[in-house]
């Protein structure tokens, strides 16, 4: 049996960014509307600074306006909520992204709830979570969907085409990835099982999956003999471990070398799901701007 076909998240993300850039250009030319993304970073966490800077750079490259708000770590929750209220009322801002994690003295749930659901390009507002859970298969996604789950869905559709009737097993039940991924797979008419670290006989359950999505946050948790031969495996994990040179390298939640000769399709880490997350943030911002002027949303899944 030959090795799995690697799912090139970088290439698929590049195609999505190109599509978004073209859509932004049309929106500016025909409606005079330039999508605006407001990013908020509280504190000086180095990783968060890199993420926010990258998002702002890509937004600018795609013709959007990036409103970058950097706040000191001691910013009060009240001051942060006041900034969000101002951005909610700013017609030039179509998307608001609050970089997580926030400092401990700020209640993340309060902050996410404060963002206008129409500008919630992370898809974390309870209103949007509920809309995803109640959306019918085939109905348009006319609301923001969490970026990483949306990226997983796009990778699967781009790679496999229609996935109707597939048995999908999602290992991980977080509100950020596992649960919304399951909802998107249900929309695609998959039969979906949500599993987690306490699921009984998890290896046997995993071996039933035509599509296996792993987002459990444990390095190389899923072994090669957990995978059904020919299955599509989406590894959402990003775990940093030291290499032989004393530097850090990324590995996924799936034992890549073991999975490669078994799976039919497999995402690498890095280069799989990661690039799609930022591309889907740009997609969500473009869609938010379209909705703001009464245009129909573009197909996402």
C-alpha atoms as a PDB file:
ATOM      1  CA  UNK A   1       0.000   0.000   0.000  1.00  0.00           C
ATOM      2  CA  UNK A   2       1.386   3.413  -0.952  1.00  0.00           C
ATOM      3  CA  UNK A   3       1.752   6.281   1.476  1.00  0.00           C
ATOM      4  CA  UNK A   4      -1.139   8.659   2.101  1.00  0.00           C
ATOM      5  CA  UNK A   5      -1.635  11.659  -0.135  1.00  0.00           C
ATOM      6  CA  UNK A   6      -0.650  14.717   1.861  1.00  0.00           C
ATOM      7  CA  UNK A   7      -3.292  17.434   2.034  1.00  0.00           C
ATOM      8  CA  UNK A   8      -1.470  20.640   1.131  1.00  0.00           C
ATOM      9  CA  UNK A   9      -3.051  23.206   3.433  1.00  0.00           C
ATOM     10  CA  UNK A  10      -0.651  25.896   2.259  1.00  0.00           C
ATOM     11  CA  UNK A  11      -1.755  25.555  -1.357  1.00  0.00           C
ATOM     12  CA  UNK A  12      -5.465  25.371  -0.531  1.00  0.00           C
ATOM     13  CA  UNK A  13      -5.158  28.362   1.801  1.00  0.00           C
ATOM     14  CA  UNK A  14      -3.352  30.306  -0.926  1.00  0.00           C
ATOM     15  CA  UNK A  15      -6.234  29.566  -3.287  1.00  0.00           C
ATOM     16  CA  UNK A  16      -8.747  30.779  -0.704  1.00  0.00           C
ATOM     17  CA  UNK A  17      -6.777  33.975  -0.073  1.00  0.00           C
ATOM     18  CA  UNK A  18      -6.680  34.607  -3.829  1.00  0.00           C
ATOM     19  CA  UNK A  19     -10.453  34.164  -3.976  1.00  0.00           C
ATOM     20  CA  UNK A  20     -10.930  36.546  -1.047  1.00  0.00           C
ATOM     21  CA  UNK A  21      -8.587  39.131  -2.552  1.00  0.00           C
ATOM     22  CA  UNK A  22     -10.527  39.093  -5.812  1.00  0.00           C
ATOM     23  CA  UNK A  23     -13.799  39.406  -3.903  1.00  0.00           C
ATOM     24  CA  UNK A  24     -12.476  42.337  -1.892  1.00  0.00           C
ATOM     25  CA  UNK A  25     -11.421  44.077  -5.104  1.00  0.00           C
ATOM     26  CA  UNK A  26     -14.909  43.670  -6.557  1.00  0.00           C
ATOM     27  CA  UNK A  27     -16.519  44.931  -3.372  1.00  0.00           C
ATOM     28  CA  UNK A  28     -14.373  48.062  -3.415  1.00  0.00           C
ATOM     29  CA  UNK A  29     -14.917  48.671  -7.138  1.00  0.00           C
ATOM     30  CA  UNK A  30     -18.681  48.068  -7.234  1.00  0.00           C
ATOM     31  CA  UNK A  31     -19.817  49.189  -3.781  1.00  0.00           C
ATOM     32  CA  UNK A  32     -17.013  51.414  -2.546  1.00  0.00           C
ATOM     33  CA  UNK A  33     -16.716  49.265   0.569  1.00  0.00           C
ATOM     34  CA  UNK A  34     -13.337  48.178   1.876  1.00  0.00           C
ATOM     35  CA  UNK A  35     -13.567  45.364   4.434  1.00  0.00           C
ATOM     36  CA  UNK A  36     -12.155  46.386   7.792  1.00  0.00           C
ATOM     37  CA  UNK A  37     -10.694  44.005  10.372  1.00  0.00           C
ATOM     38  CA  UNK A  38     -10.086  45.241  13.910  1.00  0.00           C
ATOM     39  CA  UNK A  39      -7.609  43.172  15.917  1.00  0.00           C
ATOM     40  CA  UNK A  40      -7.282  43.583  19.674  1.00  0.00           C
ATOM     41  CA  UNK A  41      -4.288  42.323  21.621  1.00  0.00           C
ATOM     42  CA  UNK A  42      -4.155  42.759  25.383  1.00  0.00           C
ATOM     43  CA  UNK A  43      -0.666  42.288  26.813  1.00  0.00           C
ATOM     44  CA  UNK A  44       2.610  41.373  25.147  1.00  0.00           C
ATOM     45  CA  UNK A  45       2.539  37.597  24.787  1.00  0.00           C
ATOM     46  CA  UNK A  46       5.184  36.894  22.091  1.00  0.00           C
ATOM     47  CA  UNK A  47       3.191  34.204  20.278  1.00  0.00           C
ATOM     48  CA  UNK A  48       0.055  36.361  20.259  1.00  0.00           C
ATOM     49  CA  UNK A  49       2.047  39.290  18.887  1.00  0.00           C
ATOM     50  CA  UNK A  50       3.246  37.136  15.998  1.00  0.00           C
ATOM     51  CA  UNK A  51      -0.279  35.883  15.271  1.00  0.00           C
ATOM     52  CA  UNK A  52      -1.806  39.372  15.303  1.00  0.00           C
ATOM     53  CA  UNK A  53       0.964  40.848  13.167  1.00  0.00           C
ATOM     54  CA  UNK A  54       0.552  38.037  10.632  1.00  0.00           C
ATOM     55  CA  UNK A  55      -3.210  38.522  10.450  1.00  0.00           C
ATOM     56  CA  UNK A  56      -2.848  42.262   9.931  1.00  0.00           C
ATOM     57  CA  UNK A  57      -0.261  41.772   7.199  1.00  0.00           C
ATOM     58  CA  UNK A  58      -2.398  39.289   5.288  1.00  0.00           C
ATOM     59  CA  UNK A  59      -5.476  41.512   5.612  1.00  0.00           C
ATOM     60  CA  UNK A  60      -3.546  44.392   4.066  1.00  0.00           C
ATOM     61  CA  UNK A  61      -2.228  42.177   1.273  1.00  0.00           C
ATOM     62  CA  UNK A  62      -5.818  41.240   0.392  1.00  0.00           C
ATOM     63  CA  UNK A  63      -6.907  44.883   0.174  1.00  0.00           C
ATOM     64  CA  UNK A  64      -8.559  45.143   3.573  1.00  0.00           C
ATOM     65  CA  UNK A  65      -8.077  47.778   6.238  1.00  0.00           C
ATOM     66  CA  UNK A  66      -6.539  46.529   9.472  1.00  0.00           C
ATOM     67  CA  UNK A  67      -7.315  48.451  12.652  1.00  0.00           C
ATOM     68  CA  UNK A  68      -4.667  47.259  15.093  1.00  0.00           C
ATOM     69  CA  UNK A  69      -5.354  47.850  18.787  1.00  0.00           C
ATOM     70  CA  UNK A  70      -2.549  46.977  21.223  1.00  0.00           C
ATOM     71  CA  UNK A  71      -3.488  47.358  24.888  1.00  0.00           C
ATOM     72  CA  UNK A  72      -1.297  46.954  27.976  1.00  0.00           C
ATOM     73  CA  UNK A  73      -1.692  43.838  30.105  1.00  0.00           C
ATOM     74  CA  UNK A  74      -3.168  45.865  32.969  1.00  0.00           C
ATOM     75  CA  UNK A  75      -6.093  47.067  30.810  1.00  0.00           C
ATOM     76  CA  UNK A  76      -9.318  46.669  32.760  1.00  0.00           C
ATOM     77  CA  UNK A  77     -12.211  44.588  31.534  1.00  0.00           C
ATOM     78  CA  UNK A  78     -14.360  47.725  31.477  1.00  0.00           C
ATOM     79  CA  UNK A  79     -11.902  49.531  29.202  1.00  0.00           C
ATOM     80  CA  UNK A  80     -11.707  46.547  26.855  1.00  0.00           C
ATOM     81  CA  UNK A  81     -15.500  46.310  26.690  1.00  0.00           C
ATOM     82  CA  UNK A  82     -15.675  50.042  25.957  1.00  0.00           C
ATOM     83  CA  UNK A  83     -13.296  49.619  23.012  1.00  0.00           C
ATOM     84  CA  UNK A  84     -15.365  46.731  21.661  1.00  0.00           C
ATOM     85  CA  UNK A  85     -18.520  48.848  21.962  1.00  0.00           C
ATOM     86  CA  UNK A  86     -16.857  51.590  19.881  1.00  0.00           C
ATOM     87  CA  UNK A  87     -15.792  49.090  17.238  1.00  0.00           C
ATOM     88  CA  UNK A  88     -19.285  47.584  17.155  1.00  0.00           C
ATOM     89  CA  UNK A  89     -20.608  51.008  16.189  1.00  0.00           C
ATOM     90  CA  UNK A  90     -17.887  51.826  13.639  1.00  0.00           C
ATOM     91  CA  UNK A  91     -19.195  51.354  10.090  1.00  0.00           C
ATOM     92  CA  UNK A  92     -15.645  50.983   8.752  1.00  0.00           C
ATOM     93  CA  UNK A  93     -15.086  47.893  10.902  1.00  0.00           C
ATOM     94  CA  UNK A  94     -16.703  44.702   9.594  1.00  0.00           C
ATOM     95  CA  UNK A  95     -14.819  42.164  11.681  1.00  0.00           C
ATOM     96  CA  UNK A  96     -13.563  42.203  15.264  1.00  0.00           C
ATOM     97  CA  UNK A  97     -10.971  39.719  16.488  1.00  0.00           C
ATOM     98  CA  UNK A  98      -9.981  39.604  20.155  1.00  0.00           C
ATOM     99  CA  UNK A  99      -6.742  37.648  20.402  1.00  0.00           C
ATOM    100  CA  UNK A 100      -6.915  34.909  23.026  1.00  0.00           C
ATOM    101  CA  UNK A 101      -5.860  34.145  25.679  1.00  0.00           C
ATOM    102  CA  UNK A 102      -6.719  37.280  27.622  1.00  0.00           C
ATOM    103  CA  UNK A 103      -5.102  38.207  30.951  1.00  0.00           C
ATOM    104  CA  UNK A 104      -6.591  36.335  33.885  1.00  0.00           C
ATOM    105  CA  UNK A 105      -8.333  39.368  35.370  1.00  0.00           C
ATOM    106  CA  UNK A 106     -10.534  39.669  32.255  1.00  0.00           C
ATOM    107  CA  UNK A 107     -13.523  37.351  31.816  1.00  0.00           C
ATOM    108  CA  UNK A 108     -13.186  35.919  28.313  1.00  0.00           C
ATOM    109  CA  UNK A 109     -16.873  34.956  28.175  1.00  0.00           C
ATOM    110  CA  UNK A 110     -17.927  38.568  28.887  1.00  0.00           C
ATOM    111  CA  UNK A 111     -15.631  39.851  26.159  1.00  0.00           C
ATOM    112  CA  UNK A 112     -16.770  37.398  23.482  1.00  0.00           C
ATOM    113  CA  UNK A 113     -20.397  38.112  24.330  1.00  0.00           C
ATOM    114  CA  UNK A 114     -19.787  41.843  23.869  1.00  0.00           C
ATOM    115  CA  UNK A 115     -18.742  41.543  20.212  1.00  0.00           C
ATOM    116  CA  UNK A 116     -21.521  42.253  17.723  1.00  0.00           C
ATOM    117  CA  UNK A 117     -22.461  38.803  16.316  1.00  0.00           C
ATOM    118  CA  UNK A 118     -22.365  40.252  12.788  1.00  0.00           C
ATOM    119  CA  UNK A 119     -18.729  41.296  13.342  1.00  0.00           C
ATOM    120  CA  UNK A 120     -17.702  38.158  15.242  1.00  0.00           C
ATOM    121  CA  UNK A 121     -15.297  36.860  12.599  1.00  0.00           C
ATOM    122  CA  UNK A 122     -13.950  34.250  15.028  1.00  0.00           C
ATOM    123  CA  UNK A 123     -17.438  32.711  15.214  1.00  0.00           C
ATOM    124  CA  UNK A 124     -17.294  32.394  19.013  1.00  0.00           C
ATOM    125  CA  UNK A 125     -20.365  34.441  19.989  1.00  0.00           C
ATOM    126  CA  UNK A 126     -23.096  32.209  21.503  1.00  0.00           C
ATOM    127  CA  UNK A 127     -25.553  33.534  18.916  1.00  0.00           C
ATOM    128  CA  UNK A 128     -23.363  32.281  16.064  1.00  0.00           C
ATOM    129  CA  UNK A 129     -22.618  29.028  17.870  1.00  0.00           C
ATOM    130  CA  UNK A 130     -26.360  28.447  18.138  1.00  0.00           C
ATOM    131  CA  UNK A 131     -26.958  29.289  14.496  1.00  0.00           C
ATOM    132  CA  UNK A 132     -24.349  26.739  13.435  1.00  0.00           C
ATOM    133  CA  UNK A 133     -25.923  24.088  15.636  1.00  0.00           C
ATOM    134  CA  UNK A 134     -29.391  24.698  14.214  1.00  0.00           C
ATOM    135  CA  UNK A 135     -28.445  25.258  10.555  1.00  0.00           C
ATOM    136  CA  UNK A 136     -29.879  22.836   8.038  1.00  0.00           C
ATOM    137  CA  UNK A 137     -27.738  20.842   5.568  1.00  0.00           C
ATOM    138  CA  UNK A 138     -27.438  22.786   2.351  1.00  0.00           C
ATOM    139  CA  UNK A 139     -28.548  26.092   3.879  1.00  0.00           C
ATOM    140  CA  UNK A 140     -26.080  28.945   3.327  1.00  0.00           C
ATOM    141  CA  UNK A 141     -23.695  29.806   6.134  1.00  0.00           C
ATOM    142  CA  UNK A 142     -24.890  33.400   6.397  1.00  0.00           C
ATOM    143  CA  UNK A 143     -23.151  33.933   9.750  1.00  0.00           C
ATOM    144  CA  UNK A 144     -19.541  33.636  10.945  1.00  0.00           C
ATOM    145  CA  UNK A 145     -18.201  30.132  11.591  1.00  0.00           C
ATOM    146  CA  UNK A 146     -15.103  29.413  13.735  1.00  0.00           C
ATOM    147  CA  UNK A 147     -12.062  29.670  11.494  1.00  0.00           C
ATOM    148  CA  UNK A 148     -10.232  26.422  12.243  1.00  0.00           C
ATOM    149  CA  UNK A 149     -13.337  24.209  11.918  1.00  0.00           C
ATOM    150  CA  UNK A 150     -14.270  26.007   8.710  1.00  0.00           C
ATOM    151  CA  UNK A 151     -10.754  25.362   7.430  1.00  0.00           C
ATOM    152  CA  UNK A 152     -11.093  21.658   8.257  1.00  0.00           C
ATOM    153  CA  UNK A 153     -14.374  21.519   6.325  1.00  0.00           C
ATOM    154  CA  UNK A 154     -12.855  23.264   3.332  1.00  0.00           C
ATOM    155  CA  UNK A 155      -9.848  20.937   3.293  1.00  0.00           C
ATOM    156  CA  UNK A 156     -12.102  17.890   3.290  1.00  0.00           C
ATOM    157  CA  UNK A 157     -14.370  19.164   0.525  1.00  0.00           C
ATOM    158  CA  UNK A 158     -11.420  20.305  -1.589  1.00  0.00           C
ATOM    159  CA  UNK A 159      -9.689  16.941  -1.191  1.00  0.00           C
ATOM    160  CA  UNK A 160     -12.538  14.424  -1.139  1.00  0.00           C
ATOM    161  CA  UNK A 161     -15.414  16.194  -2.873  1.00  0.00           C
ATOM    162  CA  UNK A 162     -18.850  15.159  -1.559  1.00  0.00           C
ATOM    163  CA  UNK A 163     -18.596  13.380   1.804  1.00  0.00           C
ATOM    164  CA  UNK A 164     -22.249  12.407   2.140  1.00  0.00           C
ATOM    165  CA  UNK A 165     -22.692   9.222   4.147  1.00  0.00           C
ATOM    166  CA  UNK A 166     -19.118   9.054   5.447  1.00  0.00           C
ATOM    167  CA  UNK A 167     -18.605   8.071   9.059  1.00  0.00           C
ATOM    168  CA  UNK A 168     -16.624  10.879  10.652  1.00  0.00           C
ATOM    169  CA  UNK A 169     -15.051  10.502  14.075  1.00  0.00           C
ATOM    170  CA  UNK A 170     -13.985  13.725  15.799  1.00  0.00           C
ATOM    171  CA  UNK A 171     -11.568  13.215  18.678  1.00  0.00           C
ATOM    172  CA  UNK A 172     -11.885  16.320  20.829  1.00  0.00           C
ATOM    173  CA  UNK A 173     -14.960  18.065  22.205  1.00  0.00           C
ATOM    174  CA  UNK A 174     -13.789  21.659  22.689  1.00  0.00           C
ATOM    175  CA  UNK A 175     -16.045  24.570  21.876  1.00  0.00           C
ATOM    176  CA  UNK A 176     -13.306  26.008  19.662  1.00  0.00           C
ATOM    177  CA  UNK A 177     -12.711  23.039  17.359  1.00  0.00           C
ATOM    178  CA  UNK A 178     -14.279  19.650  18.133  1.00  0.00           C
ATOM    179  CA  UNK A 179     -17.918  20.623  18.493  1.00  0.00           C
ATOM    180  CA  UNK A 180     -18.116  23.072  15.560  1.00  0.00           C
ATOM    181  CA  UNK A 181     -16.236  20.607  13.322  1.00  0.00           C
ATOM    182  CA  UNK A 182     -18.854  17.997  14.186  1.00  0.00           C
ATOM    183  CA  UNK A 183     -21.653  20.424  13.310  1.00  0.00           C
ATOM    184  CA  UNK A 184     -20.085  21.202   9.934  1.00  0.00           C
ATOM    185  CA  UNK A 185     -19.698  17.499   9.166  1.00  0.00           C
ATOM    186  CA  UNK A 186     -23.352  16.936  10.061  1.00  0.00           C
ATOM    187  CA  UNK A 187     -24.257  19.705   7.607  1.00  0.00           C
ATOM    188  CA  UNK A 188     -22.341  17.730   4.972  1.00  0.00           C
ATOM    189  CA  UNK A 189     -24.545  14.664   5.692  1.00  0.00           C
ATOM    190  CA  UNK A 190     -21.843  12.675   7.443  1.00  0.00           C
ATOM    191  CA  UNK A 191     -22.612  10.306  10.282  1.00  0.00           C
ATOM    192  CA  UNK A 192     -20.673  11.890  13.129  1.00  0.00           C
ATOM    193  CA  UNK A 193     -19.268  10.474  16.365  1.00  0.00           C
ATOM    194  CA  UNK A 194     -17.647  12.817  18.882  1.00  0.00           C
ATOM    195  CA  UNK A 195     -15.009  11.118  21.019  1.00  0.00           C
ATOM    196  CA  UNK A 196     -12.482  12.258  23.612  1.00  0.00           C
ATOM    197  CA  UNK A 197      -9.728  10.984  25.874  1.00  0.00           C
ATOM    198  CA  UNK A 198     -12.191   9.170  28.130  1.00  0.00           C
ATOM    199  CA  UNK A 199     -14.061   7.383  25.366  1.00  0.00           C
ATOM    200  CA  UNK A 200     -14.077   3.626  25.915  1.00  0.00           C
ATOM    201  CA  UNK A 201     -11.908   1.688  23.473  1.00  0.00           C
ATOM    202  CA  UNK A 202     -11.022   4.798  21.525  1.00  0.00           C
ATOM    203  CA  UNK A 203      -8.657   2.972  19.134  1.00  0.00           C
ATOM    204  CA  UNK A 204     -11.450   0.631  18.014  1.00  0.00           C
ATOM    205  CA  UNK A 205     -13.823   3.553  17.498  1.00  0.00           C
ATOM    206  CA  UNK A 206     -11.212   5.480  15.529  1.00  0.00           C
ATOM    207  CA  UNK A 207     -10.705   2.524  13.201  1.00  0.00           C
ATOM    208  CA  UNK A 208     -14.339   2.846  12.096  1.00  0.00           C
ATOM    209  CA  UNK A 209     -13.819   6.349  10.712  1.00  0.00           C
ATOM    210  CA  UNK A 210     -13.796   7.168   7.016  1.00  0.00           C
ATOM    211  CA  UNK A 211     -12.866  10.682   8.159  1.00  0.00           C
ATOM    212  CA  UNK A 212     -10.853  11.111  11.359  1.00  0.00           C
ATOM    213  CA  UNK A 213     -10.451  14.617  12.779  1.00  0.00           C
ATOM    214  CA  UNK A 214      -8.091  14.846  15.753  1.00  0.00           C
ATOM    215  CA  UNK A 215      -8.079  17.942  17.966  1.00  0.00           C
ATOM    216  CA  UNK A 216      -7.229  16.718  21.430  1.00  0.00           C
ATOM    217  CA  UNK A 217      -4.076  18.678  22.215  1.00  0.00           C
ATOM    218  CA  UNK A 218      -1.806  15.711  22.964  1.00  0.00           C
ATOM    219  CA  UNK A 219       1.248  15.122  20.841  1.00  0.00           C
ATOM    220  CA  UNK A 220       1.127  11.979  18.696  1.00  0.00           C
ATOM    221  CA  UNK A 221      -1.874  10.721  20.670  1.00  0.00           C
ATOM    222  CA  UNK A 222      -3.420   8.828  17.744  1.00  0.00           C
ATOM    223  CA  UNK A 223      -1.259   5.933  16.595  1.00  0.00           C
ATOM    224  CA  UNK A 224      -1.074   4.367  13.163  1.00  0.00           C
ATOM    225  CA  UNK A 225      -3.024   1.258  14.166  1.00  0.00           C
ATOM    226  CA  UNK A 226      -5.948   3.463  15.236  1.00  0.00           C
ATOM    227  CA  UNK A 227      -6.574   4.449  11.611  1.00  0.00           C
ATOM    228  CA  UNK A 228      -8.808   2.686   9.107  1.00  0.00           C
ATOM    229  CA  UNK A 229      -6.810   1.940   5.940  1.00  0.00           C
ATOM    230  CA  UNK A 230      -7.563   4.612   3.362  1.00  0.00           C
ATOM    231  CA  UNK A 231      -9.202   7.026   5.819  1.00  0.00           C
ATOM    232  CA  UNK A 232      -8.847  10.803   5.519  1.00  0.00           C
ATOM    233  CA  UNK A 233      -7.053  12.068   8.638  1.00  0.00           C
ATOM    234  CA  UNK A 234      -7.159  15.732   9.628  1.00  0.00           C
ATOM    235  CA  UNK A 235      -4.656  16.576  12.367  1.00  0.00           C
ATOM    236  CA  UNK A 236      -5.546  19.857  14.081  1.00  0.00           C
ATOM    237  CA  UNK A 237      -2.912  19.528  16.803  1.00  0.00           C
ATOM    238  CA  UNK A 238       0.065  21.878  17.189  1.00  0.00           C
ATOM    239  CA  UNK A 239       2.393  20.716  19.935  1.00  0.00           C
ATOM    240  CA  UNK A 240       5.868  22.156  20.413  1.00  0.00           C
ATOM    241  CA  UNK A 241       8.643  19.756  21.348  1.00  0.00           C
ATOM    242  CA  UNK A 242      12.433  20.248  21.500  1.00  0.00           C
ATOM    243  CA  UNK A 243      14.467  18.889  18.618  1.00  0.00           C
ATOM    244  CA  UNK A 244      18.057  17.615  18.573  1.00  0.00           C
ATOM    245  CA  UNK A 245      19.375  21.152  18.085  1.00  0.00           C
ATOM    246  CA  UNK A 246      17.712  22.508  21.203  1.00  0.00           C
ATOM    247  CA  UNK A 247      15.036  24.344  19.237  1.00  0.00           C
ATOM    248  CA  UNK A 248      11.302  23.699  19.158  1.00  0.00           C
ATOM    249  CA  UNK A 249       9.487  21.930  16.366  1.00  0.00           C
ATOM    250  CA  UNK A 250       5.790  21.322  15.799  1.00  0.00           C
ATOM    251  CA  UNK A 251       4.158  17.921  15.860  1.00  0.00           C
ATOM    252  CA  UNK A 252       0.490  17.062  15.633  1.00  0.00           C
ATOM    253  CA  UNK A 253      -1.923  14.986  17.668  1.00  0.00           C
ATOM    254  CA  UNK A 254      -1.390  12.112  15.215  1.00  0.00           C
ATOM    255  CA  UNK A 255       1.798  10.037  15.008  1.00  0.00           C
ATOM    256  CA  UNK A 256       2.584  11.174  11.478  1.00  0.00           C
ATOM    257  CA  UNK A 257       5.155   8.541  10.527  1.00  0.00           C
ATOM    258  CA  UNK A 258       2.819   5.755  11.666  1.00  0.00           C
ATOM    259  CA  UNK A 259      -0.241   7.253   9.972  1.00  0.00           C
ATOM    260  CA  UNK A 260       1.447   7.919   6.626  1.00  0.00           C
ATOM    261  CA  UNK A 261       1.437   4.313   5.312  1.00  0.00           C
ATOM    262  CA  UNK A 262      -2.130   3.664   6.528  1.00  0.00           C
ATOM    263  CA  UNK A 263      -4.234   6.726   5.772  1.00  0.00           C
ATOM    264  CA  UNK A 264      -5.548   7.615   2.343  1.00  0.00           C
ATOM    265  CA  UNK A 265      -5.188  11.363   2.914  1.00  0.00           C
ATOM    266  CA  UNK A 266      -3.321  13.093   5.741  1.00  0.00           C
ATOM    267  CA  UNK A 267      -2.606  16.653   6.826  1.00  0.00           C
ATOM    268  CA  UNK A 268       0.987  17.401   7.820  1.00  0.00           C
ATOM    269  CA  UNK A 269       1.914  19.493  10.848  1.00  0.00           C
ATOM    270  CA  UNK A 270       2.873  22.176  10.094  1.00  0.00           C
ATOM    271  CA  UNK A 271       1.415  22.980   6.683  1.00  0.00           C
ATOM    272  CA  UNK A 272      -2.009  21.376   6.996  1.00  0.00           C
ATOM    273  CA  UNK A 273      -4.814  22.956   8.987  1.00  0.00           C
ATOM    274  CA  UNK A 274      -2.777  25.918  10.285  1.00  0.00           C
ATOM    275  CA  UNK A 275      -2.634  28.002   7.094  1.00  0.00           C
ATOM    276  CA  UNK A 276      -6.380  27.548   6.619  1.00  0.00           C
ATOM    277  CA  UNK A 277      -7.213  29.190   9.943  1.00  0.00           C
ATOM    278  CA  UNK A 278      -5.904  32.614   8.943  1.00  0.00           C
ATOM    279  CA  UNK A 279      -7.288  32.279   5.401  1.00  0.00           C
ATOM    280  CA  UNK A 280     -10.734  31.531   6.845  1.00  0.00           C
ATOM    281  CA  UNK A 281     -10.482  34.596   9.094  1.00  0.00           C
ATOM    282  CA  UNK A 282     -10.017  36.664   5.942  1.00  0.00           C
ATOM    283  CA  UNK A 283     -12.917  34.833   4.317  1.00  0.00           C
ATOM    284  CA  UNK A 284     -15.141  35.616   7.308  1.00  0.00           C
ATOM    285  CA  UNK A 285     -14.170  39.293   7.233  1.00  0.00           C
ATOM    286  CA  UNK A 286     -14.942  39.538   3.519  1.00  0.00           C
ATOM    287  CA  UNK A 287     -18.296  37.855   4.106  1.00  0.00           C
ATOM    288  CA  UNK A 288     -19.100  40.201   6.995  1.00  0.00           C
ATOM    289  CA  UNK A 289     -18.492  43.169   4.693  1.00  0.00           C
ATOM    290  CA  UNK A 290     -20.728  41.614   2.021  1.00  0.00           C
ATOM    291  CA  UNK A 291     -23.521  41.097   4.534  1.00  0.00           C
ATOM    292  CA  UNK A 292     -23.145  44.680   5.736  1.00  0.00           C
ATOM    293  CA  UNK A 293     -24.135  45.947   2.260  1.00  0.00           C
ATOM    294  CA  UNK A 294     -26.861  43.362   1.739  1.00  0.00           C
ATOM    295  CA  UNK A 295     -25.019  40.971  -0.567  1.00  0.00           C
ATOM    296  CA  UNK A 296     -25.500  37.212  -0.407  1.00  0.00           C
ATOM    297  CA  UNK A 297     -22.729  35.216   1.205  1.00  0.00           C
ATOM    298  CA  UNK A 298     -20.311  33.229  -0.914  1.00  0.00           C
ATOM    299  CA  UNK A 299     -20.252  29.444  -0.639  1.00  0.00           C
ATOM    300  CA  UNK A 300     -17.984  28.200   2.124  1.00  0.00           C
ATOM    301  CA  UNK A 301     -18.701  24.513   2.689  1.00  0.00           C
END
